Amino acid sequence: ISPTNGNYTGNYEDMDFSLLYVLLRNITSIRPHNNGWGCDPNPG
């Protein structure tokens, strides 16, 4: 996400599942679900 040769080029295809999850959880505007990130969500 932060290559030493400059800025990120904007290719989200370079990101694997784990990195995507960390980014979605930590830097997006997506609010945590009722039980919070990292926990099982309620069925409904």
Full PDB file with SEQRES, HELIX, SHEET, SSBOND, CRYST1, ORIGX, SCALE, CONECT and MASTER records, all heavy atoms in Angstrom:
SEQRES   1 A   44  ILE SER PRO THR ASN GLY ASN TYR THR GLY ASN TYR GLU          
SEQRES   2 A   44  ASP MET ASP PHE SER LEU LEU TYR VAL LEU LEU ARG ASN          
SEQRES   3 A   44  ILE THR SER ILE ARG PRO HIS ASN ASN GLY TRP GLY CYS          
SEQRES   4 A   44  ASP PRO ASN PRO GLY                                          
HELIX    1 AA1 TYR A   12  ASP A   14  5                                   3    
HELIX    2 AA2 PHE A   17  ASN A   26  1                                  10    
CRYST1    1.000    1.000    1.000  90.00  90.00  90.00 P 1           1          
ORIGX1      1.000000  0.000000  0.000000        0.00000                         
ORIGX2      0.000000  1.000000  0.000000        0.00000                         
ORIGX3      0.000000  0.000000  1.000000        0.00000                         
SCALE1      1.000000  0.000000  0.000000        0.00000                         
SCALE2      0.000000  1.000000  0.000000        0.00000                         
SCALE3      0.000000  0.000000  1.000000        0.00000                         
ATOM      1  N   ILE A   1       0.803  -1.230   0.000  1.00  0.00           N  
ATOM      2  CA  ILE A   1       0.000   0.000   0.000  1.00  0.00           C  
ATOM      3  C   ILE A   1       0.831   1.274   0.000  1.00  0.00           C  
ATOM      4  O   ILE A   1       0.314   2.351  -0.275  1.00  0.00           O  
ATOM      5  CB  ILE A   1      -0.990   0.035   1.182  1.00  0.00           C  
ATOM      6  CG1 ILE A   1      -0.268   0.005   2.519  1.00  0.00           C  
ATOM      7  CG2 ILE A   1      -1.991  -1.094   1.053  1.00  0.00           C  
ATOM      8  CD1 ILE A   1      -1.175   0.211   3.719  1.00  0.00           C  
ATOM      9  N   SER A   2       2.098   1.155   0.316  1.00  0.00           N  
ATOM     10  CA  SER A   2       2.958   2.333   0.360  1.00  0.00           C  
ATOM     11  C   SER A   2       4.344   1.972  -0.162  1.00  0.00           C  
ATOM     12  O   SER A   2       5.297   1.858   0.608  1.00  0.00           O  
ATOM     13  CB  SER A   2       3.039   2.847   1.800  1.00  0.00           C  
ATOM     14  OG  SER A   2       3.744   4.044   1.864  1.00  0.00           O  
ATOM     15  N   PRO A   3       4.459   1.789  -1.468  1.00  0.00           N  
ATOM     16  CA  PRO A   3       5.745   1.372  -2.027  1.00  0.00           C  
ATOM     17  C   PRO A   3       6.830   2.415  -1.791  1.00  0.00           C  
ATOM     18  O   PRO A   3       6.556   3.610  -1.741  1.00  0.00           O  
ATOM     19  CB  PRO A   3       5.454   1.191  -3.516  1.00  0.00           C  
ATOM     20  CG  PRO A   3       4.165   1.868  -3.770  1.00  0.00           C  
ATOM     21  CD  PRO A   3       3.440   2.000  -2.467  1.00  0.00           C  
ATOM     22  N   THR A   4       8.057   1.942  -1.649  1.00  0.00           N  
ATOM     23  CA  THR A   4       9.177   2.844  -1.385  1.00  0.00           C  
ATOM     24  C   THR A   4       9.508   3.727  -2.582  1.00  0.00           C  
ATOM     25  O   THR A   4      10.120   4.768  -2.424  1.00  0.00           O  
ATOM     26  CB  THR A   4      10.439   2.053  -0.988  1.00  0.00           C  
ATOM     27  OG1 THR A   4      10.726   1.114  -2.016  1.00  0.00           O  
ATOM     28  CG2 THR A   4      10.256   1.350   0.329  1.00  0.00           C  
ATOM     29  N   ASN A   5       9.065   3.327  -3.766  1.00  0.00           N  
ATOM     30  CA  ASN A   5       9.372   4.109  -4.961  1.00  0.00           C  
ATOM     31  C   ASN A   5       8.344   5.203  -5.243  1.00  0.00           C  
ATOM     32  O   ASN A   5       8.336   5.774  -6.313  1.00  0.00           O  
ATOM     33  CB  ASN A   5       9.497   3.188  -6.174  1.00  0.00           C  
ATOM     34  CG  ASN A   5       8.198   2.468  -6.481  1.00  0.00           C  
ATOM     35  OD1 ASN A   5       7.280   2.448  -5.677  1.00  0.00           O  
ATOM     36  ND2 ASN A   5       8.134   1.847  -7.646  1.00  0.00           N  
ATOM     37  N   GLY A   6       7.465   5.485  -4.306  1.00  0.00           N  
ATOM     38  CA  GLY A   6       6.485   6.551  -4.522  1.00  0.00           C  
ATOM     39  C   GLY A   6       5.134   6.231  -3.927  1.00  0.00           C  
ATOM     40  O   GLY A   6       5.026   5.443  -2.995  1.00  0.00           O  
ATOM     41  N   ASN A   7       4.110   6.847  -4.473  1.00  0.00           N  
ATOM     42  CA  ASN A   7       2.755   6.657  -3.979  1.00  0.00           C  
ATOM     43  C   ASN A   7       2.126   5.392  -4.535  1.00  0.00           C  
ATOM     44  O   ASN A   7       2.532   4.881  -5.567  1.00  0.00           O  
ATOM     45  CB  ASN A   7       1.871   7.855  -4.353  1.00  0.00           C  
ATOM     46  CG  ASN A   7       2.194   9.075  -3.526  1.00  0.00           C  
ATOM     47  OD1 ASN A   7       2.715   8.968  -2.417  1.00  0.00           O  
ATOM     48  ND2 ASN A   7       1.904  10.238  -4.072  1.00  0.00           N  
ATOM     49  N   TYR A   8       1.104   4.958  -3.859  1.00  0.00           N  
ATOM     50  CA  TYR A   8       0.339   3.798  -4.296  1.00  0.00           C  
ATOM     51  C   TYR A   8      -0.290   4.093  -5.653  1.00  0.00           C  
ATOM     52  O   TYR A   8      -0.799   5.185  -5.891  1.00  0.00           O  
ATOM     53  CB  TYR A   8      -0.738   3.481  -3.252  1.00  0.00           C  
ATOM     54  CG  TYR A   8      -1.531   2.261  -3.582  1.00  0.00           C  
ATOM     55  CD1 TYR A   8      -0.938   1.007  -3.547  1.00  0.00           C  
ATOM     56  CD2 TYR A   8      -2.863   2.351  -3.947  1.00  0.00           C  
ATOM     57  CE1 TYR A   8      -1.657  -0.128  -3.860  1.00  0.00           C  
ATOM     58  CE2 TYR A   8      -3.585   1.219  -4.254  1.00  0.00           C  
ATOM     59  CZ  TYR A   8      -2.978  -0.012  -4.211  1.00  0.00           C  
ATOM     60  OH  TYR A   8      -3.691  -1.131  -4.521  1.00  0.00           O  
ATOM     61  N   THR A   9      -0.267   3.114  -6.539  1.00  0.00           N  
ATOM     62  CA  THR A   9      -0.744   3.325  -7.903  1.00  0.00           C  
ATOM     63  C   THR A   9      -2.254   3.161  -8.057  1.00  0.00           C  
ATOM     64  O   THR A   9      -2.786   3.441  -9.123  1.00  0.00           O  
ATOM     65  CB  THR A   9      -0.055   2.343  -8.867  1.00  0.00           C  
ATOM     66  OG1 THR A   9      -0.370   1.014  -8.456  1.00  0.00           O  
ATOM     67  CG2 THR A   9       1.438   2.561  -8.901  1.00  0.00           C  
ATOM     68  N   GLY A  10      -2.926   2.702  -7.024  1.00  0.00           N  
ATOM     69  CA  GLY A  10      -4.379   2.576  -7.103  1.00  0.00           C  
ATOM     70  C   GLY A  10      -4.865   1.257  -7.637  1.00  0.00           C  
ATOM     71  O   GLY A  10      -6.014   1.141  -8.039  1.00  0.00           O  
ATOM     72  N   ASN A  11      -4.035   0.243  -7.620  1.00  0.00           N  
ATOM     73  CA  ASN A  11      -4.454  -1.069  -8.088  1.00  0.00           C  
ATOM     74  C   ASN A  11      -4.842  -1.935  -6.899  1.00  0.00           C  
ATOM     75  O   ASN A  11      -3.987  -2.574  -6.288  1.00  0.00           O  
ATOM     76  CB  ASN A  11      -3.339  -1.727  -8.904  1.00  0.00           C  
ATOM     77  CG  ASN A  11      -3.774  -3.031  -9.506  1.00  0.00           C  
ATOM     78  OD1 ASN A  11      -4.917  -3.463  -9.345  1.00  0.00           O  
ATOM     79  ND2 ASN A  11      -2.869  -3.675 -10.199  1.00  0.00           N  
ATOM     80  N   TYR A  12      -6.112  -1.977  -6.591  1.00  0.00           N  
ATOM     81  CA  TYR A  12      -6.576  -2.759  -5.448  1.00  0.00           C  
ATOM     82  C   TYR A  12      -6.426  -4.259  -5.684  1.00  0.00           C  
ATOM     83  O   TYR A  12      -6.547  -5.048  -4.747  1.00  0.00           O  
ATOM     84  CB  TYR A  12      -8.030  -2.413  -5.123  1.00  0.00           C  
ATOM     85  CG  TYR A  12      -8.213  -1.035  -4.511  1.00  0.00           C  
ATOM     86  CD1 TYR A  12      -9.486  -0.502  -4.335  1.00  0.00           C  
ATOM     87  CD2 TYR A  12      -7.144  -0.269  -4.097  1.00  0.00           C  
ATOM     88  CE1 TYR A  12      -9.671   0.749  -3.765  1.00  0.00           C  
ATOM     89  CE2 TYR A  12      -7.320   0.978  -3.528  1.00  0.00           C  
ATOM     90  CZ  TYR A  12      -8.588   1.474  -3.369  1.00  0.00           C  
ATOM     91  OH  TYR A  12      -8.768   2.709  -2.798  1.00  0.00           O  
ATOM     92  N   GLU A  13      -6.146  -4.666  -6.906  1.00  0.00           N  
ATOM     93  CA  GLU A  13      -5.948  -6.085  -7.212  1.00  0.00           C  
ATOM     94  C   GLU A  13      -4.691  -6.627  -6.532  1.00  0.00           C  
ATOM     95  O   GLU A  13      -4.558  -7.837  -6.361  1.00  0.00           O  
ATOM     96  CB  GLU A  13      -5.853  -6.303  -8.726  1.00  0.00           C  
ATOM     97  CG  GLU A  13      -7.066  -5.829  -9.506  1.00  0.00           C  
ATOM     98  CD  GLU A  13      -8.371  -6.459  -9.065  1.00  0.00           C  
ATOM     99  OE1 GLU A  13      -8.403  -7.694  -8.858  1.00  0.00           O  
ATOM    100  OE2 GLU A  13      -9.364  -5.722  -8.899  1.00  0.00           O  
ATOM    101  N   ASP A  14      -3.774  -5.758  -6.138  1.00  0.00           N  
ATOM    102  CA  ASP A  14      -2.547  -6.181  -5.454  1.00  0.00           C  
ATOM    103  C   ASP A  14      -2.805  -6.625  -4.020  1.00  0.00           C  
ATOM    104  O   ASP A  14      -1.946  -7.233  -3.398  1.00  0.00           O  
ATOM    105  CB  ASP A  14      -1.529  -5.036  -5.420  1.00  0.00           C  
ATOM    106  CG  ASP A  14      -1.056  -4.633  -6.795  1.00  0.00           C  
ATOM    107  OD1 ASP A  14      -1.183  -5.432  -7.738  1.00  0.00           O  
ATOM    108  OD2 ASP A  14      -0.564  -3.499  -6.933  1.00  0.00           O  
ATOM    109  N   MET A  15      -3.973  -6.297  -3.487  1.00  0.00           N  
ATOM    110  CA  MET A  15      -4.267  -6.549  -2.075  1.00  0.00           C  
ATOM    111  C   MET A  15      -4.916  -7.915  -1.884  1.00  0.00           C  
ATOM    112  O   MET A  15      -5.847  -8.270  -2.596  1.00  0.00           O  
ATOM    113  CB  MET A  15      -5.203  -5.465  -1.558  1.00  0.00           C  
ATOM    114  CG  MET A  15      -4.625  -4.095  -1.626  1.00  0.00           C  
ATOM    115  SD  MET A  15      -5.835  -2.885  -1.053  1.00  0.00           S  
ATOM    116  CE  MET A  15      -4.959  -1.382  -1.391  1.00  0.00           C  
ATOM    117  N   ASP A  16      -4.414  -8.650  -0.893  1.00  0.00           N  
ATOM    118  CA  ASP A  16      -5.018  -9.938  -0.581  1.00  0.00           C  
ATOM    119  C   ASP A  16      -6.163  -9.751   0.418  1.00  0.00           C  
ATOM    120  O   ASP A  16      -6.435  -8.647   0.883  1.00  0.00           O  
ATOM    121  CB  ASP A  16      -3.969 -10.916  -0.046  1.00  0.00           C  
ATOM    122  CG  ASP A  16      -3.388 -10.526   1.300  1.00  0.00           C  
ATOM    123  OD1 ASP A  16      -3.807  -9.514   1.904  1.00  0.00           O  
ATOM    124  OD2 ASP A  16      -2.485 -11.239   1.780  1.00  0.00           O  
ATOM    125  N   PHE A  17      -6.832 -10.839   0.720  1.00  0.00           N  
ATOM    126  CA  PHE A  17      -8.005 -10.808   1.578  1.00  0.00           C  
ATOM    127  C   PHE A  17      -7.708 -10.154   2.925  1.00  0.00           C  
ATOM    128  O   PHE A  17      -8.446  -9.287   3.384  1.00  0.00           O  
ATOM    129  CB  PHE A  17      -8.523 -12.243   1.788  1.00  0.00           C  
ATOM    130  CG  PHE A  17      -9.822 -12.306   2.515  1.00  0.00           C  
ATOM    131  CD1 PHE A  17     -11.008 -12.468   1.818  1.00  0.00           C  
ATOM    132  CD2 PHE A  17      -9.881 -12.214   3.902  1.00  0.00           C  
ATOM    133  CE1 PHE A  17     -12.223 -12.528   2.479  1.00  0.00           C  
ATOM    134  CE2 PHE A  17     -11.085 -12.266   4.569  1.00  0.00           C  
ATOM    135  CZ  PHE A  17     -12.264 -12.417   3.860  1.00  0.00           C  
ATOM    136  N   SER A  18      -6.636 -10.590   3.566  1.00  0.00           N  
ATOM    137  CA  SER A  18      -6.314 -10.090   4.910  1.00  0.00           C  
ATOM    138  C   SER A  18      -6.062  -8.587   4.918  1.00  0.00           C  
ATOM    139  O   SER A  18      -6.537  -7.876   5.806  1.00  0.00           O  
ATOM    140  CB  SER A  18      -5.093 -10.812   5.471  1.00  0.00           C  
ATOM    141  OG  SER A  18      -5.362 -12.179   5.597  1.00  0.00           O  
ATOM    142  N   LEU A  19      -5.321  -8.105   3.941  1.00  0.00           N  
ATOM    143  CA  LEU A  19      -5.044  -6.674   3.866  1.00  0.00           C  
ATOM    144  C   LEU A  19      -6.327  -5.894   3.600  1.00  0.00           C  
ATOM    145  O   LEU A  19      -6.571  -4.853   4.215  1.00  0.00           O  
ATOM    146  CB  LEU A  19      -4.001  -6.379   2.785  1.00  0.00           C  
ATOM    147  CG  LEU A  19      -3.644  -4.912   2.583  1.00  0.00           C  
ATOM    148  CD1 LEU A  19      -3.155  -4.261   3.876  1.00  0.00           C  
ATOM    149  CD2 LEU A  19      -2.605  -4.771   1.482  1.00  0.00           C  
ATOM    150  N   LEU A  20      -7.162  -6.403   2.714  1.00  0.00           N  
ATOM    151  CA  LEU A  20      -8.437  -5.736   2.439  1.00  0.00           C  
ATOM    152  C   LEU A  20      -9.276  -5.619   3.705  1.00  0.00           C  
ATOM    153  O   LEU A  20      -9.845  -4.570   3.998  1.00  0.00           O  
ATOM    154  CB  LEU A  20      -9.208  -6.497   1.353  1.00  0.00           C  
ATOM    155  CG  LEU A  20      -8.625  -6.403  -0.048  1.00  0.00           C  
ATOM    156  CD1 LEU A  20      -9.221  -7.484  -0.936  1.00  0.00           C  
ATOM    157  CD2 LEU A  20      -8.871  -5.024  -0.634  1.00  0.00           C  
ATOM    158  N   TYR A  21      -9.338  -6.693   4.480  1.00  0.00           N  
ATOM    159  CA  TYR A  21     -10.113  -6.679   5.725  1.00  0.00           C  
ATOM    160  C   TYR A  21      -9.579  -5.621   6.681  1.00  0.00           C  
ATOM    161  O   TYR A  21     -10.339  -4.842   7.250  1.00  0.00           O  
ATOM    162  CB  TYR A  21     -10.111  -8.060   6.384  1.00  0.00           C  
ATOM    163  CG  TYR A  21     -10.830  -8.076   7.711  1.00  0.00           C  
ATOM    164  CD1 TYR A  21     -12.214  -8.125   7.766  1.00  0.00           C  
ATOM    165  CD2 TYR A  21     -10.124  -8.018   8.902  1.00  0.00           C  
ATOM    166  CE1 TYR A  21     -12.882  -8.121   8.979  1.00  0.00           C  
ATOM    167  CE2 TYR A  21     -10.779  -8.012  10.120  1.00  0.00           C  
ATOM    168  CZ  TYR A  21     -12.156  -8.065  10.155  1.00  0.00           C  
ATOM    169  OH  TYR A  21     -12.807  -8.054  11.366  1.00  0.00           O  
ATOM    170  N   VAL A  22      -8.266  -5.572   6.845  1.00  0.00           N  
ATOM    171  CA  VAL A  22      -7.653  -4.591   7.751  1.00  0.00           C  
ATOM    172  C   VAL A  22      -7.982  -3.168   7.293  1.00  0.00           C  
ATOM    173  O   VAL A  22      -8.340  -2.301   8.106  1.00  0.00           O  
ATOM    174  CB  VAL A  22      -6.124  -4.798   7.847  1.00  0.00           C  
ATOM    175  CG1 VAL A  22      -5.447  -3.633   8.534  1.00  0.00           C  
ATOM    176  CG2 VAL A  22      -5.810  -6.096   8.570  1.00  0.00           C  
ATOM    177  N   LEU A  23      -7.887  -2.928   6.001  1.00  0.00           N  
ATOM    178  CA  LEU A  23      -8.182  -1.593   5.481  1.00  0.00           C  
ATOM    179  C   LEU A  23      -9.658  -1.239   5.641  1.00  0.00           C  
ATOM    180  O   LEU A  23      -9.991  -0.132   6.075  1.00  0.00           O  
ATOM    181  CB  LEU A  23      -7.762  -1.495   4.015  1.00  0.00           C  
ATOM    182  CG  LEU A  23      -6.265  -1.628   3.749  1.00  0.00           C  
ATOM    183  CD1 LEU A  23      -5.998  -1.691   2.254  1.00  0.00           C  
ATOM    184  CD2 LEU A  23      -5.490  -0.497   4.405  1.00  0.00           C  
ATOM    185  N   LEU A  24     -10.533  -2.170   5.310  1.00  0.00           N  
ATOM    186  CA  LEU A  24     -11.971  -1.909   5.448  1.00  0.00           C  
ATOM    187  C   LEU A  24     -12.329  -1.624   6.906  1.00  0.00           C  
ATOM    188  O   LEU A  24     -13.136  -0.747   7.199  1.00  0.00           O  
ATOM    189  CB  LEU A  24     -12.786  -3.098   4.922  1.00  0.00           C  
ATOM    190  CG  LEU A  24     -12.759  -3.274   3.409  1.00  0.00           C  
ATOM    191  CD1 LEU A  24     -13.293  -4.648   3.026  1.00  0.00           C  
ATOM    192  CD2 LEU A  24     -13.547  -2.174   2.729  1.00  0.00           C  
ATOM    193  N   ARG A  25     -11.704  -2.343   7.785  1.00  0.00           N  
ATOM    194  CA  ARG A  25     -11.994  -2.196   9.214  1.00  0.00           C  
ATOM    195  C   ARG A  25     -11.431  -0.897   9.800  1.00  0.00           C  
ATOM    196  O   ARG A  25     -12.042  -0.293  10.668  1.00  0.00           O  
ATOM    197  CB  ARG A  25     -11.390  -3.405   9.930  1.00  0.00           C  
ATOM    198  CG  ARG A  25     -11.531  -3.405  11.407  1.00  0.00           C  
ATOM    199  CD  ARG A  25     -10.941  -4.663  11.989  1.00  0.00           C  
ATOM    200  NE  ARG A  25     -10.923  -4.566  13.441  1.00  0.00           N  
ATOM    201  CZ  ARG A  25     -10.805  -5.591  14.257  1.00  0.00           C  
ATOM    202  NH1 ARG A  25     -10.674  -6.805  13.771  1.00  0.00           N  
ATOM    203  NH2 ARG A  25     -10.797  -5.416  15.546  1.00  0.00           N  
ATOM    204  N   ASN A  26     -10.277  -0.469   9.297  1.00  0.00           N  
ATOM    205  CA  ASN A  26      -9.558   0.617   9.965  1.00  0.00           C  
ATOM    206  C   ASN A  26      -9.554   1.974   9.283  1.00  0.00           C  
ATOM    207  O   ASN A  26      -9.374   2.985   9.966  1.00  0.00           O  
ATOM    208  CB  ASN A  26      -8.106   0.192  10.218  1.00  0.00           C  
ATOM    209  CG  ASN A  26      -8.022  -0.883  11.264  1.00  0.00           C  
ATOM    210  OD1 ASN A  26      -8.319  -0.649  12.420  1.00  0.00           O  
ATOM    211  ND2 ASN A  26      -7.652  -2.080  10.850  1.00  0.00           N  
ATOM    212  N   ILE A  27      -9.706   2.025   7.972  1.00  0.00           N  
ATOM    213  CA  ILE A  27      -9.581   3.343   7.352  1.00  0.00           C  
ATOM    214  C   ILE A  27     -10.793   3.775   6.528  1.00  0.00           C  
ATOM    215  O   ILE A  27     -10.792   4.871   5.983  1.00  0.00           O  
ATOM    216  CB  ILE A  27      -8.299   3.457   6.490  1.00  0.00           C  
ATOM    217  CG1 ILE A  27      -8.352   2.575   5.266  1.00  0.00           C  
ATOM    218  CG2 ILE A  27      -7.064   3.190   7.327  1.00  0.00           C  
ATOM    219  CD1 ILE A  27      -7.255   2.874   4.253  1.00  0.00           C  
ATOM    220  N   THR A  28     -11.800   2.931   6.431  1.00  0.00           N  
ATOM    221  CA  THR A  28     -12.993   3.329   5.679  1.00  0.00           C  
ATOM    222  C   THR A  28     -14.014   3.959   6.619  1.00  0.00           C  
ATOM    223  O   THR A  28     -13.839   3.973   7.839  1.00  0.00           O  
ATOM    224  CB  THR A  28     -13.645   2.125   4.965  1.00  0.00           C  
ATOM    225  OG1 THR A  28     -14.156   1.224   5.953  1.00  0.00           O  
ATOM    226  CG2 THR A  28     -12.666   1.426   4.041  1.00  0.00           C  
ATOM    227  N   SER A  29     -15.076   4.440   6.029  1.00  0.00           N  
ATOM    228  CA  SER A  29     -16.158   5.032   6.827  1.00  0.00           C  
ATOM    229  C   SER A  29     -17.199   3.996   7.229  1.00  0.00           C  
ATOM    230  O   SER A  29     -18.242   4.352   7.787  1.00  0.00           O  
ATOM    231  CB  SER A  29     -16.830   6.158   6.030  1.00  0.00           C  
ATOM    232  OG  SER A  29     -17.413   5.633   4.857  1.00  0.00           O  
ATOM    233  N   ILE A  30     -16.922   2.718   6.994  1.00  0.00           N  
ATOM    234  CA  ILE A  30     -17.866   1.650   7.332  1.00  0.00           C  
ATOM    235  C   ILE A  30     -17.917   1.496   8.851  1.00  0.00           C  
ATOM    236  O   ILE A  30     -16.891   1.260   9.491  1.00  0.00           O  
ATOM    237  CB  ILE A  30     -17.468   0.324   6.657  1.00  0.00           C  
ATOM    238  CG1 ILE A  30     -17.478   0.498   5.143  1.00  0.00           C  
ATOM    239  CG2 ILE A  30     -18.381  -0.808   7.094  1.00  0.00           C  
ATOM    240  CD1 ILE A  30     -16.868  -0.655   4.387  1.00  0.00           C  
ATOM    241  N   ARG A  31     -19.106   1.623   9.392  1.00  0.00           N  
ATOM    242  CA  ARG A  31     -19.271   1.499  10.842  1.00  0.00           C  
ATOM    243  C   ARG A  31     -19.237   0.037  11.267  1.00  0.00           C  
ATOM    244  O   ARG A  31     -19.708  -0.834  10.533  1.00  0.00           O  
ATOM    245  CB  ARG A  31     -20.598   2.105  11.269  1.00  0.00           C  
ATOM    246  CG  ARG A  31     -20.662   3.599  11.067  1.00  0.00           C  
ATOM    247  CD  ARG A  31     -21.988   4.136  11.633  1.00  0.00           C  
ATOM    248  NE  ARG A  31     -21.970   5.564  11.652  1.00  0.00           N  
ATOM    249  CZ  ARG A  31     -21.536   6.297  12.679  1.00  0.00           C  
ATOM    250  NH1 ARG A  31     -21.095   5.713  13.764  1.00  0.00           N  
ATOM    251  NH2 ARG A  31     -21.565   7.606  12.622  1.00  0.00           N  
ATOM    252  N   PRO A  32     -18.704  -0.241  12.462  1.00  0.00           N  
ATOM    253  CA  PRO A  32     -18.708  -1.620  12.959  1.00  0.00           C  
ATOM    254  C   PRO A  32     -20.142  -2.123  13.136  1.00  0.00           C  
ATOM    255  O   PRO A  32     -21.055  -1.342  13.428  1.00  0.00           O  
ATOM    256  CB  PRO A  32     -18.013  -1.528  14.316  1.00  0.00           C  
ATOM    257  CG  PRO A  32     -17.434  -0.164  14.409  1.00  0.00           C  
ATOM    258  CD  PRO A  32     -18.096   0.697  13.395  1.00  0.00           C  
ATOM    259  N   HIS A  33     -20.339  -3.402  12.975  1.00  0.00           N  
ATOM    260  CA  HIS A  33     -21.666  -3.980  13.213  1.00  0.00           C  
ATOM    261  C   HIS A  33     -21.945  -4.000  14.712  1.00  0.00           C  
ATOM    262  O   HIS A  33     -21.091  -3.600  15.525  1.00  0.00           O  
ATOM    263  CB  HIS A  33     -21.780  -5.370  12.578  1.00  0.00           C  
ATOM    264  CG  HIS A  33     -20.786  -6.366  13.075  1.00  0.00           C  
ATOM    265  ND1 HIS A  33     -20.981  -7.108  14.201  1.00  0.00           N  
ATOM    266  CD2 HIS A  33     -19.568  -6.729  12.585  1.00  0.00           C  
ATOM    267  CE1 HIS A  33     -19.947  -7.906  14.395  1.00  0.00           C  
ATOM    268  NE2 HIS A  33     -19.071  -7.686  13.422  1.00  0.00           N  
ATOM    269  N   ASN A  34     -23.129  -4.443  15.095  1.00  0.00           N  
ATOM    270  CA  ASN A  34     -23.576  -4.359  16.492  1.00  0.00           C  
ATOM    271  C   ASN A  34     -22.621  -5.001  17.493  1.00  0.00           C  
ATOM    272  O   ASN A  34     -22.474  -4.509  18.608  1.00  0.00           O  
ATOM    273  CB  ASN A  34     -24.966  -4.983  16.643  1.00  0.00           C  
ATOM    274  CG  ASN A  34     -26.020  -4.189  15.922  1.00  0.00           C  
ATOM    275  OD1 ASN A  34     -25.842  -3.000  15.663  1.00  0.00           O  
ATOM    276  ND2 ASN A  34     -27.117  -4.830  15.568  1.00  0.00           N  
ATOM    277  N   ASN A  35     -21.975  -6.091  17.134  1.00  0.00           N  
ATOM    278  CA  ASN A  35     -21.061  -6.773  18.057  1.00  0.00           C  
ATOM    279  C   ASN A  35     -19.618  -6.321  17.903  1.00  0.00           C  
ATOM    280  O   ASN A  35     -18.756  -6.760  18.646  1.00  0.00           O  
ATOM    281  CB  ASN A  35     -21.162  -8.289  17.872  1.00  0.00           C  
ATOM    282  CG  ASN A  35     -22.513  -8.810  18.286  1.00  0.00           C  
ATOM    283  OD1 ASN A  35     -23.227  -8.182  19.065  1.00  0.00           O  
ATOM    284  ND2 ASN A  35     -22.896  -9.958  17.760  1.00  0.00           N  
ATOM    285  N   GLY A  36     -19.350  -5.460  16.937  1.00  0.00           N  
ATOM    286  CA  GLY A  36     -18.005  -4.920  16.745  1.00  0.00           C  
ATOM    287  C   GLY A  36     -17.152  -5.763  15.820  1.00  0.00           C  
ATOM    288  O   GLY A  36     -17.358  -6.969  15.668  1.00  0.00           O  
ATOM    289  N   TRP A  37     -16.190  -5.102  15.176  1.00  0.00           N  
ATOM    290  CA  TRP A  37     -15.266  -5.788  14.278  1.00  0.00           C  
ATOM    291  C   TRP A  37     -14.564  -6.929  15.005  1.00  0.00           C  
ATOM    292  O   TRP A  37     -14.212  -6.800  16.172  1.00  0.00           O  
ATOM    293  CB  TRP A  37     -14.210  -4.824  13.756  1.00  0.00           C  
ATOM    294  CG  TRP A  37     -14.696  -3.831  12.760  1.00  0.00           C  
ATOM    295  CD1 TRP A  37     -14.838  -2.499  12.959  1.00  0.00           C  
ATOM    296  CD2 TRP A  37     -15.085  -4.074  11.402  1.00  0.00           C  
ATOM    297  NE1 TRP A  37     -15.295  -1.894  11.801  1.00  0.00           N  
ATOM    298  CE2 TRP A  37     -15.452  -2.842  10.837  1.00  0.00           C  
ATOM    299  CE3 TRP A  37     -15.163  -5.221  10.614  1.00  0.00           C  
ATOM    300  CZ2 TRP A  37     -15.876  -2.727   9.517  1.00  0.00           C  
ATOM    301  CZ3 TRP A  37     -15.584  -5.096   9.303  1.00  0.00           C  
ATOM    302  CH2 TRP A  37     -15.935  -3.865   8.767  1.00  0.00           C  
ATOM    303  N   GLY A  38     -14.372  -8.015  14.317  1.00  0.00           N  
ATOM    304  CA  GLY A  38     -13.661  -9.156  14.883  1.00  0.00           C  
ATOM    305  C   GLY A  38     -14.549 -10.116  15.639  1.00  0.00           C  
ATOM    306  O   GLY A  38     -14.086 -11.159  16.084  1.00  0.00           O  
ATOM    307  N   CYS A  39     -15.822  -9.800  15.779  1.00  0.00           N  
ATOM    308  CA  CYS A  39     -16.778 -10.641  16.506  1.00  0.00           C  
ATOM    309  C   CYS A  39     -17.850 -11.167  15.561  1.00  0.00           C  
ATOM    310  O   CYS A  39     -18.130 -10.563  14.527  1.00  0.00           O  
ATOM    311  CB  CYS A  39     -17.454  -9.853  17.624  1.00  0.00           C  
ATOM    312  SG  CYS A  39     -16.315  -9.194  18.845  1.00  0.00           S  
ATOM    313  N   ASP A  40     -18.463 -12.281  15.942  1.00  0.00           N  
ATOM    314  CA  ASP A  40     -19.574 -12.815  15.155  1.00  0.00           C  
ATOM    315  C   ASP A  40     -20.715 -11.807  15.139  1.00  0.00           C  
ATOM    316  O   ASP A  40     -21.139 -11.345  16.202  1.00  0.00           O  
ATOM    317  CB  ASP A  40     -20.093 -14.118  15.763  1.00  0.00           C  
ATOM    318  CG  ASP A  40     -19.144 -15.283  15.583  1.00  0.00           C  
ATOM    319  OD1 ASP A  40     -18.152 -15.136  14.866  1.00  0.00           O  
ATOM    320  OD2 ASP A  40     -19.421 -16.345  16.171  1.00  0.00           O  
ATOM    321  N   PRO A  41     -21.237 -11.490  13.963  1.00  0.00           N  
ATOM    322  CA  PRO A  41     -22.386 -10.582  13.902  1.00  0.00           C  
ATOM    323  C   PRO A  41     -23.674 -11.310  14.272  1.00  0.00           C  
ATOM    324  O   PRO A  41     -23.760 -12.539  14.175  1.00  0.00           O  
ATOM    325  CB  PRO A  41     -22.413 -10.132  12.441  1.00  0.00           C  
ATOM    326  CG  PRO A  41     -21.693 -11.190  11.686  1.00  0.00           C  
ATOM    327  CD  PRO A  41     -20.724 -11.821  12.634  1.00  0.00           C  
ATOM    328  N   ASN A  42     -24.652 -10.554  14.718  1.00  0.00           N  
ATOM    329  CA  ASN A  42     -25.970 -11.136  14.989  1.00  0.00           C  
ATOM    330  C   ASN A  42     -26.562 -11.657  13.692  1.00  0.00           C  
ATOM    331  O   ASN A  42     -26.355 -11.060  12.632  1.00  0.00           O  
ATOM    332  CB  ASN A  42     -26.901 -10.087  15.604  1.00  0.00           C  
ATOM    333  CG  ASN A  42     -26.444  -9.658  16.975  1.00  0.00           C  
ATOM    334  OD1 ASN A  42     -25.856 -10.432  17.716  1.00  0.00           O  
ATOM    335  ND2 ASN A  42     -26.695  -8.401  17.307  1.00  0.00           N  
ATOM    336  N   PRO A  43     -27.321 -12.751  13.740  1.00  0.00           N  
ATOM    337  CA  PRO A  43     -27.879 -13.335  12.514  1.00  0.00           C  
ATOM    338  C   PRO A  43     -28.718 -12.356  11.685  1.00  0.00           C  
ATOM    339  O   PRO A  43     -28.695 -12.407  10.460  1.00  0.00           O  
ATOM    340  CB  PRO A  43     -28.737 -14.491  13.011  1.00  0.00           C  
ATOM    341  CG  PRO A  43     -28.177 -14.843  14.343  1.00  0.00           C  
ATOM    342  CD  PRO A  43     -27.637 -13.559  14.918  1.00  0.00           C  
ATOM    343  N   GLY A  44     -29.433 -11.461  12.317  1.00  0.00           N  
ATOM    344  CA  GLY A  44     -30.286 -10.536  11.590  1.00  0.00           C  
ATOM    345  C   GLY A  44     -29.597  -9.266  11.133  1.00  0.00           C  
ATOM    346  O   GLY A  44     -30.205  -8.442  10.441  1.00  0.00           O  
TER     347      GLY A  44                                                      
MASTER        0    0    0    2    0    0    0    6  346    1    0    4          
END                                                                             
